[in-house]
């Protein structure tokens, strides 16, 4: 099973990190996606690396989608 977590600069930290780590605890392959690969910064200054850019995603490869809150989704 694979999960994709959407994020962008300004994401609500807990709404990205909590599901990200819980999915990993369940041994679900979890990737973070953003506008481009590389570090993104949350609302409270915490960073995480985006594994994949939106343009490179194949939706058929994923079983779960998590969309974090904060300013990230509106971007």
C-alpha atoms as a PDB file:
ATOM      1  CA  UNK A   1       0.000   0.000   0.000  1.00  0.00           C
ATOM      2  CA  UNK A   2       1.265   3.516  -0.831  1.00  0.00           C
ATOM      3  CA  UNK A   3       0.226   6.923   0.478  1.00  0.00           C
ATOM      4  CA  UNK A   4       0.754  10.406  -0.905  1.00  0.00           C
ATOM      5  CA  UNK A   5       0.773  13.434   1.400  1.00  0.00           C
ATOM      6  CA  UNK A   6       0.273  16.818  -0.279  1.00  0.00           C
ATOM      7  CA  UNK A   7       2.201  19.747   1.156  1.00  0.00           C
ATOM      8  CA  UNK A   8       3.542  23.173   0.216  1.00  0.00           C
ATOM      9  CA  UNK A   9       5.249  26.005   2.053  1.00  0.00           C
ATOM     10  CA  UNK A  10       2.940  27.226   4.792  1.00  0.00           C
ATOM     11  CA  UNK A  11       1.357  23.809   5.493  1.00  0.00           C
ATOM     12  CA  UNK A  12      -0.147  23.270   8.935  1.00  0.00           C
ATOM     13  CA  UNK A  13       2.637  21.299  10.630  1.00  0.00           C
ATOM     14  CA  UNK A  14       0.558  18.814  12.621  1.00  0.00           C
ATOM     15  CA  UNK A  15      -1.791  18.143   9.714  1.00  0.00           C
ATOM     16  CA  UNK A  16       1.127  16.941   7.599  1.00  0.00           C
ATOM     17  CA  UNK A  17       3.490  15.382  10.163  1.00  0.00           C
ATOM     18  CA  UNK A  18       0.890  13.468  12.174  1.00  0.00           C
ATOM     19  CA  UNK A  19      -0.618  11.446   9.289  1.00  0.00           C
ATOM     20  CA  UNK A  20       2.830  11.107   7.656  1.00  0.00           C
ATOM     21  CA  UNK A  21       4.330   9.441  10.738  1.00  0.00           C
ATOM     22  CA  UNK A  22       1.220   7.393  11.568  1.00  0.00           C
ATOM     23  CA  UNK A  23       1.173   5.948   8.032  1.00  0.00           C
ATOM     24  CA  UNK A  24       4.874   5.087   8.299  1.00  0.00           C
ATOM     25  CA  UNK A  25       4.243   3.404  11.666  1.00  0.00           C
ATOM     26  CA  UNK A  26       1.745   1.168   9.880  1.00  0.00           C
ATOM     27  CA  UNK A  27       4.504   0.325   7.355  1.00  0.00           C
ATOM     28  CA  UNK A  28       2.742   2.101   4.520  1.00  0.00           C
ATOM     29  CA  UNK A  29       5.105   3.537   1.923  1.00  0.00           C
ATOM     30  CA  UNK A  30       4.573   7.275   2.250  1.00  0.00           C
ATOM     31  CA  UNK A  31       5.692  10.076  -0.065  1.00  0.00           C
ATOM     32  CA  UNK A  32       5.360  13.839   0.307  1.00  0.00           C
ATOM     33  CA  UNK A  33       4.419  15.773  -2.844  1.00  0.00           C
ATOM     34  CA  UNK A  34       4.712  19.489  -3.534  1.00  0.00           C
ATOM     35  CA  UNK A  35       5.158  21.905  -6.429  1.00  0.00           C
ATOM     36  CA  UNK A  36       8.791  20.778  -6.659  1.00  0.00           C
ATOM     37  CA  UNK A  37      11.052  18.233  -4.992  1.00  0.00           C
ATOM     38  CA  UNK A  38      13.050  19.412  -2.009  1.00  0.00           C
ATOM     39  CA  UNK A  39      12.425  21.035   1.359  1.00  0.00           C
ATOM     40  CA  UNK A  40       9.109  22.669   2.226  1.00  0.00           C
ATOM     41  CA  UNK A  41       8.507  24.663   5.404  1.00  0.00           C
ATOM     42  CA  UNK A  42       5.450  24.504   7.607  1.00  0.00           C
ATOM     43  CA  UNK A  43       3.575  27.317   9.267  1.00  0.00           C
ATOM     44  CA  UNK A  44       5.619  26.928  12.459  1.00  0.00           C
ATOM     45  CA  UNK A  45       9.009  26.557  10.747  1.00  0.00           C
ATOM     46  CA  UNK A  46       9.360  22.772  10.604  1.00  0.00           C
ATOM     47  CA  UNK A  47      10.747  21.383   7.351  1.00  0.00           C
ATOM     48  CA  UNK A  48      10.229  18.159   5.442  1.00  0.00           C
ATOM     49  CA  UNK A  49      11.563  17.088   2.062  1.00  0.00           C
ATOM     50  CA  UNK A  50       9.068  16.648  -0.736  1.00  0.00           C
ATOM     51  CA  UNK A  51       9.894  13.332  -2.436  1.00  0.00           C
ATOM     52  CA  UNK A  52       8.060  14.098  -5.660  1.00  0.00           C
ATOM     53  CA  UNK A  53       6.733  17.075  -7.636  1.00  0.00           C
ATOM     54  CA  UNK A  54       3.015  17.212  -8.469  1.00  0.00           C
ATOM     55  CA  UNK A  55       3.784  17.058 -12.195  1.00  0.00           C
ATOM     56  CA  UNK A  56       5.570  13.701 -11.741  1.00  0.00           C
ATOM     57  CA  UNK A  57       2.762  11.934  -9.852  1.00  0.00           C
ATOM     58  CA  UNK A  58       0.881   9.020 -11.331  1.00  0.00           C
ATOM     59  CA  UNK A  59      -2.344   8.813  -9.253  1.00  0.00           C
ATOM     60  CA  UNK A  60      -2.719   5.119 -10.047  1.00  0.00           C
ATOM     61  CA  UNK A  61       0.443   4.447  -8.001  1.00  0.00           C
ATOM     62  CA  UNK A  62      -1.204   5.497  -4.712  1.00  0.00           C
ATOM     63  CA  UNK A  63      -3.948   4.084  -2.509  1.00  0.00           C
ATOM     64  CA  UNK A  64      -4.249   6.907   0.039  1.00  0.00           C
ATOM     65  CA  UNK A  65      -4.221  10.699  -0.343  1.00  0.00           C
ATOM     66  CA  UNK A  66      -3.690  13.124   2.556  1.00  0.00           C
ATOM     67  CA  UNK A  67      -4.109  16.886   1.993  1.00  0.00           C
ATOM     68  CA  UNK A  68      -2.617  18.959   4.808  1.00  0.00           C
ATOM     69  CA  UNK A  69      -4.237  22.163   6.037  1.00  0.00           C
ATOM     70  CA  UNK A  70      -2.802  25.659   6.402  1.00  0.00           C
ATOM     71  CA  UNK A  71      -1.747  27.827   3.457  1.00  0.00           C
ATOM     72  CA  UNK A  72      -0.329  24.863   1.504  1.00  0.00           C
ATOM     73  CA  UNK A  73      -3.562  23.637  -0.159  1.00  0.00           C
ATOM     74  CA  UNK A  74      -4.459  27.031  -1.581  1.00  0.00           C
ATOM     75  CA  UNK A  75      -1.112  27.131  -3.385  1.00  0.00           C
END
